[in-house]
Amino acid sequence: MANLVSHVFNAPAFAIYILLLIVFEEKIDSMYSLLVLSTGILFLAFFPVVFILIEKIRGHVDYFVSDVKKRPKFFIPPLISYFTGFSLFHAIGLKVIALYYLVFFSVSLALFIVTFRWKISVHAAGVAGPATFLVYVYGLKFILLYLLVPMVSWSRVKLKAHNVSQVVAGAIIAILVTFVTCIIYL
């Protein structure tokens, strides 16, 4: 069960699930919906993990980059990808979508800095950040998404990928950075 939870709620997959909710909430017309969803698949899911997948195929890392010493370089493609998505949607005036990408950029930058000294849970952050984004932008109707944070955190601890402090720190950093990013941008 822990393995299933860990795979279903990894950060890139969860980013796309939440993007679908945002498109629905924003009532984006069909032309822009297609743009938002297709670029979301590229900039939130594909580009952030393609380098990891290549290195996994080469046998240099496992899918979750468990070796803390190897983790920092894998933050660079997502940071570039998230900032590109932010820039694109900011330029065309889709402010909420732009903010979503900016949140991913900001949280990833914070995790990138931490990961030089300590292994932190991207899984916990990848659920806590988007949940915070939805609650901040659309209100308490999305508060129950926070229930996924302990479930995902449990899965990462159960799989011995992280200890409790690493998943708690990932979630707390994501919540705080998301909240501050939303305040500054909106």
N, C-alpha and C. Protein backbone atom coordinates (compact mmCIF):
# COMPACT_ATOMS: atom_id res chain seq x y z
N MET A 1 0.82 -1.20 0.00
CA MET A 1 0.00 0.00 0.00
C MET A 1 0.87 1.27 0.00
N ALA A 2 1.94 1.27 0.80
CA ALA A 2 2.82 2.44 0.88
C ALA A 2 3.45 2.75 -0.47
N ASN A 3 3.84 1.71 -1.19
CA ASN A 3 4.45 1.89 -2.50
C ASN A 3 3.45 2.51 -3.49
N LEU A 4 2.22 2.04 -3.44
CA LEU A 4 1.16 2.57 -4.31
C LEU A 4 0.91 4.05 -4.01
N VAL A 5 0.77 4.39 -2.74
CA VAL A 5 0.55 5.78 -2.34
C VAL A 5 1.71 6.66 -2.80
N SER A 6 2.92 6.16 -2.62
CA SER A 6 4.10 6.92 -2.99
C SER A 6 4.15 7.20 -4.50
N HIS A 7 3.72 6.26 -5.30
CA HIS A 7 3.73 6.45 -6.75
C HIS A 7 2.55 7.29 -7.24
N VAL A 8 1.38 7.06 -6.70
CA VAL A 8 0.19 7.79 -7.14
C VAL A 8 0.26 9.26 -6.75
N PHE A 9 0.88 9.55 -5.60
CA PHE A 9 0.94 10.92 -5.12
C PHE A 9 2.34 11.52 -5.18
N ASN A 10 3.13 11.11 -6.18
CA ASN A 10 4.42 11.77 -6.36
C ASN A 10 4.16 13.19 -6.85
N ALA A 11 5.12 14.07 -6.66
CA ALA A 11 4.90 15.50 -6.94
C ALA A 11 4.45 15.79 -8.38
N PRO A 12 5.10 15.23 -9.41
CA PRO A 12 4.63 15.55 -10.78
C PRO A 12 3.21 15.08 -11.06
N ALA A 13 2.85 13.90 -10.60
CA ALA A 13 1.48 13.40 -10.83
C ALA A 13 0.47 14.27 -10.09
N PHE A 14 0.75 14.57 -8.83
CA PHE A 14 -0.17 15.38 -8.04
C PHE A 14 -0.31 16.78 -8.63
N ALA A 15 0.77 17.30 -9.19
CA ALA A 15 0.72 18.62 -9.84
C ALA A 15 -0.30 18.64 -10.97
N ILE A 16 -0.37 17.56 -11.72
CA ILE A 16 -1.32 17.48 -12.83
C ILE A 16 -2.75 17.31 -12.31
N TYR A 17 -2.94 16.50 -11.26
CA TYR A 17 -4.27 16.35 -10.68
C TYR A 17 -4.81 17.72 -10.25
N ILE A 18 -3.96 18.48 -9.59
CA ILE A 18 -4.37 19.80 -9.09
C ILE A 18 -4.58 20.78 -10.24
N LEU A 19 -3.76 20.68 -11.27
CA LEU A 19 -3.93 21.55 -12.43
C LEU A 19 -5.31 21.34 -13.06
N LEU A 20 -5.78 20.12 -13.08
CA LEU A 20 -7.13 19.85 -13.59
C LEU A 20 -8.19 20.57 -12.75
N LEU A 21 -8.02 20.55 -11.44
CA LEU A 21 -8.95 21.28 -10.55
C LEU A 21 -8.89 22.79 -10.82
N ILE A 22 -7.69 23.31 -11.04
CA ILE A 22 -7.54 24.75 -11.29
C ILE A 22 -8.24 25.13 -12.59
N VAL A 23 -8.04 24.34 -13.63
CA VAL A 23 -8.69 24.62 -14.92
C VAL A 23 -10.21 24.65 -14.73
N PHE A 24 -10.72 23.70 -13.96
CA PHE A 24 -12.16 23.66 -13.68
C PHE A 24 -12.60 24.89 -12.88
N GLU A 25 -11.86 25.21 -11.83
CA GLU A 25 -12.21 26.35 -10.97
C GLU A 25 -12.12 27.68 -11.71
N GLU A 26 -11.16 27.81 -12.58
CA GLU A 26 -10.96 29.06 -13.32
C GLU A 26 -11.91 29.19 -14.51
N LYS A 27 -12.60 28.10 -14.83
CA LYS A 27 -13.51 28.10 -15.98
C LYS A 27 -12.81 28.59 -17.25
N ILE A 28 -11.62 28.04 -17.46
CA ILE A 28 -10.80 28.42 -18.61
C ILE A 28 -11.43 27.84 -19.87
N ASP A 29 -11.55 28.68 -20.93
CA ASP A 29 -12.17 28.19 -22.16
C ASP A 29 -11.34 27.07 -22.79
N SER A 30 -11.96 26.36 -23.73
CA SER A 30 -11.36 25.12 -24.25
C SER A 30 -10.01 25.35 -24.92
N MET A 31 -9.82 26.46 -25.62
CA MET A 31 -8.54 26.70 -26.27
C MET A 31 -7.42 26.84 -25.22
N TYR A 32 -7.67 27.67 -24.22
CA TYR A 32 -6.66 27.84 -23.17
C TYR A 32 -6.56 26.61 -22.29
N SER A 33 -7.63 25.88 -22.10
CA SER A 33 -7.57 24.65 -21.31
C SER A 33 -6.59 23.66 -21.92
N LEU A 34 -6.65 23.52 -23.23
CA LEU A 34 -5.73 22.62 -23.92
C LEU A 34 -4.29 23.10 -23.75
N LEU A 35 -4.07 24.40 -23.88
CA LEU A 35 -2.73 24.96 -23.67
C LEU A 35 -2.25 24.71 -22.24
N VAL A 36 -3.11 25.00 -21.28
CA VAL A 36 -2.75 24.85 -19.87
C VAL A 36 -2.42 23.40 -19.55
N LEU A 37 -3.25 22.48 -20.00
CA LEU A 37 -3.04 21.06 -19.68
C LEU A 37 -1.85 20.47 -20.41
N SER A 38 -1.67 20.81 -21.68
CA SER A 38 -0.53 20.26 -22.42
C SER A 38 0.79 20.81 -21.90
N THR A 39 0.84 22.11 -21.62
CA THR A 39 2.08 22.65 -21.06
C THR A 39 2.28 22.16 -19.63
N GLY A 40 1.19 21.91 -18.91
CA GLY A 40 1.30 21.35 -17.57
C GLY A 40 1.95 19.98 -17.59
N ILE A 41 1.53 19.15 -18.54
CA ILE A 41 2.14 17.82 -18.66
C ILE A 41 3.63 17.96 -18.95
N LEU A 42 3.98 18.90 -19.82
CA LEU A 42 5.40 19.09 -20.14
C LEU A 42 6.19 19.72 -19.00
N PHE A 43 5.71 20.88 -18.50
CA PHE A 43 6.50 21.67 -17.55
C PHE A 43 6.34 21.27 -16.09
N LEU A 44 5.27 20.57 -15.74
CA LEU A 44 5.09 20.13 -14.35
C LEU A 44 5.41 18.65 -14.16
N ALA A 45 5.33 17.86 -15.23
CA ALA A 45 5.52 16.42 -15.07
C ALA A 45 6.70 15.87 -15.89
N PHE A 46 6.76 16.17 -17.18
CA PHE A 46 7.78 15.54 -18.03
C PHE A 46 9.18 16.12 -17.80
N PHE A 47 9.35 17.42 -18.06
CA PHE A 47 10.69 18.01 -17.94
C PHE A 47 11.29 17.88 -16.53
N PRO A 48 10.49 18.01 -15.47
CA PRO A 48 11.07 17.85 -14.13
C PRO A 48 11.62 16.45 -13.83
N VAL A 49 11.12 15.42 -14.50
CA VAL A 49 11.59 14.07 -14.17
C VAL A 49 12.40 13.39 -15.27
N VAL A 50 12.47 13.96 -16.45
CA VAL A 50 13.13 13.27 -17.56
C VAL A 50 14.61 12.99 -17.25
N PHE A 51 15.29 13.92 -16.60
CA PHE A 51 16.70 13.72 -16.27
C PHE A 51 16.85 12.57 -15.26
N ILE A 52 15.93 12.48 -14.32
CA ILE A 52 15.95 11.36 -13.35
C ILE A 52 15.74 10.04 -14.08
N LEU A 53 14.78 10.01 -15.00
CA LEU A 53 14.50 8.78 -15.74
C LEU A 53 15.71 8.34 -16.57
N ILE A 54 16.38 9.29 -17.20
CA ILE A 54 17.58 8.97 -17.98
C ILE A 54 18.65 8.38 -17.08
N GLU A 55 18.87 9.01 -15.93
CA GLU A 55 19.89 8.52 -15.00
C GLU A 55 19.50 7.18 -14.38
N LYS A 56 18.20 6.95 -14.22
CA LYS A 56 17.73 5.65 -13.71
C LYS A 56 18.01 4.57 -14.75
N ILE A 57 17.71 4.84 -15.99
CA ILE A 57 17.97 3.88 -17.07
C ILE A 57 19.47 3.55 -17.14
N ARG A 58 20.30 4.55 -16.93
CA ARG A 58 21.75 4.35 -16.93
C ARG A 58 22.25 3.61 -15.68
N GLY A 59 21.34 3.45 -14.70
CA GLY A 59 21.71 2.75 -13.48
C GLY A 59 22.41 3.62 -12.44
N HIS A 60 22.34 4.93 -12.59
CA HIS A 60 23.03 5.85 -11.68
C HIS A 60 22.21 6.22 -10.45
N VAL A 61 20.87 6.15 -10.56
CA VAL A 61 20.01 6.51 -9.43
C VAL A 61 18.77 5.62 -9.47
N ASP A 62 18.05 5.59 -8.34
CA ASP A 62 16.73 4.96 -8.34
C ASP A 62 15.71 6.05 -8.67
N TYR A 63 14.48 5.66 -8.91
CA TYR A 63 13.44 6.61 -9.34
C TYR A 63 13.24 7.77 -8.37
N PHE A 64 13.41 7.52 -7.07
CA PHE A 64 13.19 8.57 -6.08
C PHE A 64 14.48 9.27 -5.65
N VAL A 65 15.59 8.99 -6.32
CA VAL A 65 16.90 9.59 -6.01
C VAL A 65 17.14 9.54 -4.50
N SER A 66 17.26 8.34 -4.00
CA SER A 66 17.39 8.12 -2.56
C SER A 66 18.72 8.62 -1.99
N ASP A 67 19.77 8.60 -2.81
CA ASP A 67 21.09 9.04 -2.34
C ASP A 67 21.11 10.57 -2.25
N VAL A 68 21.18 11.07 -1.02
CA VAL A 68 21.11 12.52 -0.78
C VAL A 68 22.22 13.29 -1.51
N LYS A 69 23.36 12.68 -1.69
CA LYS A 69 24.48 13.36 -2.37
C LYS A 69 24.20 13.59 -3.85
N LYS A 70 23.33 12.77 -4.42
CA LYS A 70 23.02 12.89 -5.85
C LYS A 70 21.81 13.78 -6.13
N ARG A 71 21.11 14.18 -5.09
CA ARG A 71 19.84 14.90 -5.27
C ARG A 71 19.94 16.32 -5.82
N PRO A 72 20.90 17.15 -5.37
CA PRO A 72 20.85 18.57 -5.79
C PRO A 72 20.76 18.80 -7.29
N LYS A 73 21.55 18.09 -8.08
CA LYS A 73 21.54 18.36 -9.53
C LYS A 73 20.18 18.09 -10.18
N PHE A 74 19.38 17.24 -9.55
CA PHE A 74 18.08 16.90 -10.12
C PHE A 74 17.02 17.97 -9.86
N PHE A 75 17.37 18.99 -9.09
CA PHE A 75 16.45 20.11 -8.87
C PHE A 75 16.55 21.15 -9.99
N ILE A 76 17.66 21.16 -10.73
CA ILE A 76 17.88 22.18 -11.76
C ILE A 76 16.85 22.10 -12.89
N PRO A 77 16.63 20.93 -13.53
CA PRO A 77 15.61 20.91 -14.60
C PRO A 77 14.21 21.32 -14.13
N PRO A 78 13.74 20.87 -12.96
CA PRO A 78 12.43 21.35 -12.52
C PRO A 78 12.40 22.87 -12.30
N LEU A 79 13.44 23.42 -11.70
CA LEU A 79 13.46 24.86 -11.47
C LEU A 79 13.34 25.63 -12.78
N ILE A 80 14.09 25.19 -13.79
CA ILE A 80 14.02 25.84 -15.11
C ILE A 80 12.63 25.66 -15.71
N SER A 81 12.10 24.45 -15.60
CA SER A 81 10.79 24.15 -16.16
C SER A 81 9.68 24.96 -15.49
N TYR A 82 9.69 25.01 -14.16
CA TYR A 82 8.65 25.76 -13.44
C TYR A 82 8.74 27.25 -13.74
N PHE A 83 9.96 27.79 -13.82
CA PHE A 83 10.09 29.22 -14.11
C PHE A 83 9.64 29.52 -15.55
N THR A 84 9.92 28.60 -16.46
CA THR A 84 9.45 28.78 -17.84
C THR A 84 7.93 28.80 -17.90
N GLY A 85 7.29 27.87 -17.18
CA GLY A 85 5.83 27.84 -17.13
C GLY A 85 5.27 29.12 -16.52
N PHE A 86 5.89 29.57 -15.43
CA PHE A 86 5.46 30.83 -14.82
C PHE A 86 5.56 31.97 -15.82
N SER A 87 6.68 32.09 -16.49
CA SER A 87 6.91 33.19 -17.44
C SER A 87 5.88 33.16 -18.57
N LEU A 88 5.62 31.98 -19.09
CA LEU A 88 4.66 31.84 -20.19
C LEU A 88 3.26 32.29 -19.76
N PHE A 89 2.78 31.78 -18.65
CA PHE A 89 1.41 32.09 -18.23
C PHE A 89 1.28 33.50 -17.68
N HIS A 90 2.34 34.03 -17.11
CA HIS A 90 2.33 35.42 -16.69
C HIS A 90 2.22 36.32 -17.92
N ALA A 91 2.97 35.99 -18.98
CA ALA A 91 2.98 36.79 -20.21
C ALA A 91 1.61 36.80 -20.90
N ILE A 92 0.89 35.69 -20.84
CA ILE A 92 -0.41 35.65 -21.53
C ILE A 92 -1.57 36.02 -20.61
N GLY A 93 -1.26 36.37 -19.37
CA GLY A 93 -2.28 36.91 -18.47
C GLY A 93 -3.10 35.90 -17.69
N LEU A 94 -2.68 34.64 -17.66
CA LEU A 94 -3.38 33.65 -16.83
C LEU A 94 -2.71 33.64 -15.47
N LYS A 95 -3.12 34.61 -14.65
CA LYS A 95 -2.44 34.90 -13.39
C LYS A 95 -2.45 33.74 -12.39
N VAL A 96 -3.56 33.06 -12.25
CA VAL A 96 -3.64 31.95 -11.28
C VAL A 96 -2.76 30.79 -11.74
N ILE A 97 -2.76 30.49 -13.03
CA ILE A 97 -1.90 29.42 -13.55
C ILE A 97 -0.43 29.83 -13.38
N ALA A 98 -0.13 31.08 -13.67
CA ALA A 98 1.24 31.58 -13.48
C ALA A 98 1.66 31.42 -12.02
N LEU A 99 0.77 31.77 -11.11
CA LEU A 99 1.07 31.64 -9.68
C LEU A 99 1.32 30.18 -9.31
N TYR A 100 0.56 29.27 -9.86
CA TYR A 100 0.75 27.84 -9.58
C TYR A 100 2.19 27.42 -9.92
N TYR A 101 2.66 27.83 -11.08
CA TYR A 101 4.04 27.53 -11.48
C TYR A 101 5.04 28.24 -10.57
N LEU A 102 4.75 29.48 -10.21
CA LEU A 102 5.65 30.22 -9.33
C LEU A 102 5.76 29.54 -7.96
N VAL A 103 4.66 29.00 -7.47
CA VAL A 103 4.66 28.25 -6.22
C VAL A 103 5.58 27.03 -6.35
N PHE A 104 5.46 26.30 -7.45
CA PHE A 104 6.34 25.14 -7.66
C PHE A 104 7.79 25.57 -7.72
N PHE A 105 8.06 26.68 -8.40
CA PHE A 105 9.43 27.18 -8.48
C PHE A 105 9.94 27.55 -7.08
N SER A 106 9.16 28.30 -6.33
CA SER A 106 9.58 28.78 -5.01
C SER A 106 9.81 27.63 -4.02
N VAL A 107 8.88 26.70 -3.98
CA VAL A 107 9.01 25.55 -3.07
C VAL A 107 10.22 24.71 -3.49
N SER A 108 10.38 24.47 -4.78
CA SER A 108 11.52 23.68 -5.26
C SER A 108 12.84 24.36 -4.95
N LEU A 109 12.87 25.68 -5.06
CA LEU A 109 14.09 26.41 -4.73
C LEU A 109 14.42 26.25 -3.24
N ALA A 110 13.43 26.34 -2.39
CA ALA A 110 13.65 26.14 -0.95
C ALA A 110 14.14 24.73 -0.66
N LEU A 111 13.52 23.73 -1.28
CA LEU A 111 13.94 22.34 -1.08
C LEU A 111 15.35 22.11 -1.63
N PHE A 112 15.65 22.73 -2.75
CA PHE A 112 16.98 22.64 -3.36
C PHE A 112 18.05 23.15 -2.38
N ILE A 113 17.79 24.26 -1.75
CA ILE A 113 18.74 24.82 -0.79
C ILE A 113 18.93 23.88 0.40
N VAL A 114 17.82 23.37 0.90
CA VAL A 114 17.88 22.45 2.06
C VAL A 114 18.62 21.16 1.70
N THR A 115 18.41 20.67 0.48
CA THR A 115 18.94 19.36 0.12
C THR A 115 20.46 19.31 0.05
N PHE A 116 21.11 20.45 0.04
CA PHE A 116 22.58 20.45 0.09
C PHE A 116 23.08 19.97 1.45
N ARG A 117 22.25 20.11 2.48
CA ARG A 117 22.66 19.76 3.84
C ARG A 117 21.89 18.58 4.42
N TRP A 118 20.70 18.30 3.84
CA TRP A 118 19.81 17.34 4.50
C TRP A 118 18.82 16.79 3.49
N LYS A 119 18.47 15.54 3.64
CA LYS A 119 17.46 14.94 2.77
C LYS A 119 16.07 15.35 3.26
N ILE A 120 15.29 15.92 2.36
CA ILE A 120 13.95 16.41 2.70
C ILE A 120 12.94 15.77 1.75
N SER A 121 11.72 15.61 2.19
CA SER A 121 10.72 14.91 1.41
C SER A 121 10.05 15.79 0.36
N VAL A 122 10.37 15.51 -0.90
CA VAL A 122 9.71 16.18 -2.01
C VAL A 122 8.26 15.68 -2.13
N HIS A 123 8.03 14.42 -1.76
CA HIS A 123 6.66 13.89 -1.79
C HIS A 123 5.74 14.68 -0.85
N ALA A 124 6.18 14.86 0.39
CA ALA A 124 5.34 15.60 1.35
C ALA A 124 5.14 17.04 0.88
N ALA A 125 6.21 17.65 0.39
CA ALA A 125 6.11 19.02 -0.12
C ALA A 125 5.21 19.08 -1.35
N GLY A 126 5.30 18.05 -2.20
CA GLY A 126 4.53 18.01 -3.44
C GLY A 126 3.04 17.85 -3.24
N VAL A 127 2.62 17.45 -2.05
CA VAL A 127 1.19 17.40 -1.72
C VAL A 127 0.79 18.62 -0.89
N ALA A 128 1.62 18.98 0.08
CA ALA A 128 1.30 20.11 0.97
C ALA A 128 1.27 21.45 0.23
N GLY A 129 2.20 21.66 -0.69
CA GLY A 129 2.24 22.93 -1.43
C GLY A 129 1.00 23.15 -2.29
N PRO A 130 0.67 22.21 -3.18
CA PRO A 130 -0.55 22.38 -3.98
C PRO A 130 -1.83 22.46 -3.15
N ALA A 131 -1.90 21.71 -2.05
CA ALA A 131 -3.08 21.82 -1.18
C ALA A 131 -3.20 23.23 -0.61
N THR A 132 -2.08 23.78 -0.18
CA THR A 132 -2.06 25.15 0.35
C THR A 132 -2.45 26.15 -0.73
N PHE A 133 -1.95 25.95 -1.94
CA PHE A 133 -2.30 26.81 -3.06
C PHE A 133 -3.82 26.83 -3.26
N LEU A 134 -4.43 25.66 -3.33
CA LEU A 134 -5.88 25.59 -3.55
C LEU A 134 -6.66 26.24 -2.43
N VAL A 135 -6.26 26.00 -1.19
CA VAL A 135 -6.96 26.60 -0.05
C VAL A 135 -6.79 28.12 -0.07
N TYR A 136 -5.60 28.60 -0.38
CA TYR A 136 -5.37 30.04 -0.41
C TYR A 136 -6.19 30.71 -1.53
N VAL A 137 -6.15 30.13 -2.71
CA VAL A 137 -6.79 30.75 -3.88
C VAL A 137 -8.31 30.54 -3.90
N TYR A 138 -8.78 29.34 -3.53
CA TYR A 138 -10.19 29.02 -3.69
C TYR A 138 -10.96 28.81 -2.39
N GLY A 139 -10.26 28.82 -1.29
CA GLY A 139 -10.95 28.74 -0.01
C GLY A 139 -10.96 27.36 0.63
N LEU A 140 -11.69 27.29 1.72
CA LEU A 140 -11.68 26.10 2.57
C LEU A 140 -12.35 24.86 1.96
N LYS A 141 -12.99 25.01 0.81
CA LYS A 141 -13.61 23.82 0.21
C LYS A 141 -12.56 22.77 -0.17
N PHE A 142 -11.29 23.17 -0.21
CA PHE A 142 -10.22 22.23 -0.53
C PHE A 142 -9.40 21.81 0.69
N ILE A 143 -9.84 22.16 1.87
CA ILE A 143 -9.10 21.89 3.11
C ILE A 143 -8.85 20.38 3.32
N LEU A 144 -9.76 19.55 2.87
CA LEU A 144 -9.61 18.11 3.07
C LEU A 144 -8.41 17.51 2.31
N LEU A 145 -7.90 18.25 1.33
CA LEU A 145 -6.70 17.78 0.64
C LEU A 145 -5.51 17.63 1.59
N TYR A 146 -5.54 18.40 2.68
CA TYR A 146 -4.46 18.27 3.66
C TYR A 146 -4.41 16.88 4.28
N LEU A 147 -5.50 16.13 4.22
CA LEU A 147 -5.50 14.77 4.75
C LEU A 147 -4.57 13.85 3.95
N LEU A 148 -4.25 14.25 2.74
CA LEU A 148 -3.31 13.45 1.94
C LEU A 148 -1.88 13.58 2.45
N VAL A 149 -1.57 14.69 3.11
CA VAL A 149 -0.19 14.91 3.58
C VAL A 149 0.25 13.83 4.56
N PRO A 150 -0.51 13.51 5.61
CA PRO A 150 -0.07 12.43 6.50
C PRO A 150 -0.02 11.07 5.80
N MET A 151 -0.93 10.83 4.88
CA MET A 151 -0.93 9.55 4.16
C MET A 151 0.34 9.40 3.32
N VAL A 152 0.68 10.44 2.57
CA VAL A 152 1.89 10.41 1.75
C VAL A 152 3.12 10.35 2.66
N SER A 153 3.10 11.10 3.73
CA SER A 153 4.23 11.09 4.67
C SER A 153 4.41 9.70 5.27
N TRP A 154 3.30 9.07 5.67
CA TRP A 154 3.37 7.70 6.19
C TRP A 154 4.02 6.77 5.17
N SER A 155 3.62 6.90 3.90
CA SER A 155 4.15 6.01 2.87
C SER A 155 5.66 6.16 2.72
N ARG A 156 6.13 7.39 2.79
CA ARG A 156 7.58 7.63 2.62
C ARG A 156 8.37 7.10 3.82
N VAL A 157 7.81 7.23 5.02
CA VAL A 157 8.46 6.70 6.22
C VAL A 157 8.40 5.16 6.19
N LYS A 158 7.25 4.62 5.84
CA LYS A 158 7.07 3.16 5.78
C LYS A 158 8.05 2.53 4.79
N LEU A 159 8.30 3.21 3.68
CA LEU A 159 9.23 2.70 2.66
C LEU A 159 10.69 2.96 3.03
N LYS A 160 10.89 3.59 4.18
CA LYS A 160 12.22 3.94 4.68
C LYS A 160 12.97 4.89 3.73
N ALA A 161 12.18 5.69 2.98
CA ALA A 161 12.75 6.71 2.10
C ALA A 161 13.09 7.97 2.90
N HIS A 162 12.36 8.19 4.01
CA HIS A 162 12.55 9.36 4.86
C HIS A 162 12.24 8.98 6.29
N ASN A 163 12.71 9.85 7.20
CA ASN A 163 12.27 9.72 8.59
C ASN A 163 11.17 10.76 8.82
N VAL A 164 10.58 10.73 9.99
CA VAL A 164 9.45 11.61 10.28
C VAL A 164 9.84 13.08 10.16
N SER A 165 10.99 13.46 10.65
CA SER A 165 11.38 14.87 10.59
C SER A 165 11.55 15.34 9.14
N GLN A 166 11.98 14.48 8.25
CA GLN A 166 12.16 14.86 6.84
C GLN A 166 10.82 15.09 6.13
N VAL A 167 9.82 14.26 6.45
CA VAL A 167 8.51 14.47 5.82
C VAL A 167 7.79 15.67 6.44
N VAL A 168 7.92 15.85 7.74
CA VAL A 168 7.30 17.00 8.40
C VAL A 168 7.94 18.30 7.88
N ALA A 169 9.25 18.31 7.78
CA ALA A 169 9.94 19.51 7.27
C ALA A 169 9.54 19.81 5.83
N GLY A 170 9.44 18.78 4.99
CA GLY A 170 9.01 18.99 3.61
C GLY A 170 7.64 19.62 3.52
N ALA A 171 6.72 19.12 4.33
CA ALA A 171 5.35 19.65 4.33
C ALA A 171 5.32 21.08 4.86
N ILE A 172 6.01 21.33 5.96
CA ILE A 172 5.99 22.67 6.57
C ILE A 172 6.62 23.71 5.65
N ILE A 173 7.76 23.37 5.07
CA ILE A 173 8.41 24.31 4.14
C ILE A 173 7.48 24.61 2.96
N ALA A 174 6.86 23.58 2.41
CA ALA A 174 5.96 23.79 1.27
C ALA A 174 4.78 24.67 1.64
N ILE A 175 4.20 24.44 2.80
CA ILE A 175 3.05 25.25 3.23
C ILE A 175 3.47 26.71 3.41
N LEU A 176 4.57 26.93 4.10
CA LEU A 176 5.01 28.31 4.37
C LEU A 176 5.43 29.03 3.09
N VAL A 177 6.22 28.38 2.26
CA VAL A 177 6.69 29.02 1.02
C VAL A 177 5.52 29.28 0.07
N THR A 178 4.59 28.35 -0.01
CA THR A 178 3.40 28.55 -0.86
C THR A 178 2.59 29.74 -0.37
N PHE A 179 2.35 29.80 0.92
CA PHE A 179 1.57 30.89 1.50
C PHE A 179 2.23 32.25 1.22
N VAL A 180 3.53 32.35 1.46
CA VAL A 180 4.26 33.61 1.23
C VAL A 180 4.26 33.97 -0.26
N THR A 181 4.47 32.98 -1.12
CA THR A 181 4.46 33.24 -2.57
C THR A 181 3.10 33.75 -3.02
N CYS A 182 2.04 33.16 -2.52
CA CYS A 182 0.68 33.62 -2.88
C CYS A 182 0.43 35.04 -2.40
N ILE A 183 0.85 35.35 -1.19
CA ILE A 183 0.67 36.71 -0.66
C ILE A 183 1.41 37.73 -1.52
N ILE A 184 2.63 37.41 -1.88
CA ILE A 184 3.45 38.35 -2.66
C ILE A 184 2.90 38.54 -4.08
N TYR A 185 2.49 37.44 -4.71
CA TYR A 185 2.09 37.52 -6.13
C TYR A 185 0.67 38.04 -6.33
N LEU A 186 -0.23 37.69 -5.44
CA LEU A 186 -1.63 38.11 -5.67
C LEU A 186 -1.94 39.49 -5.16
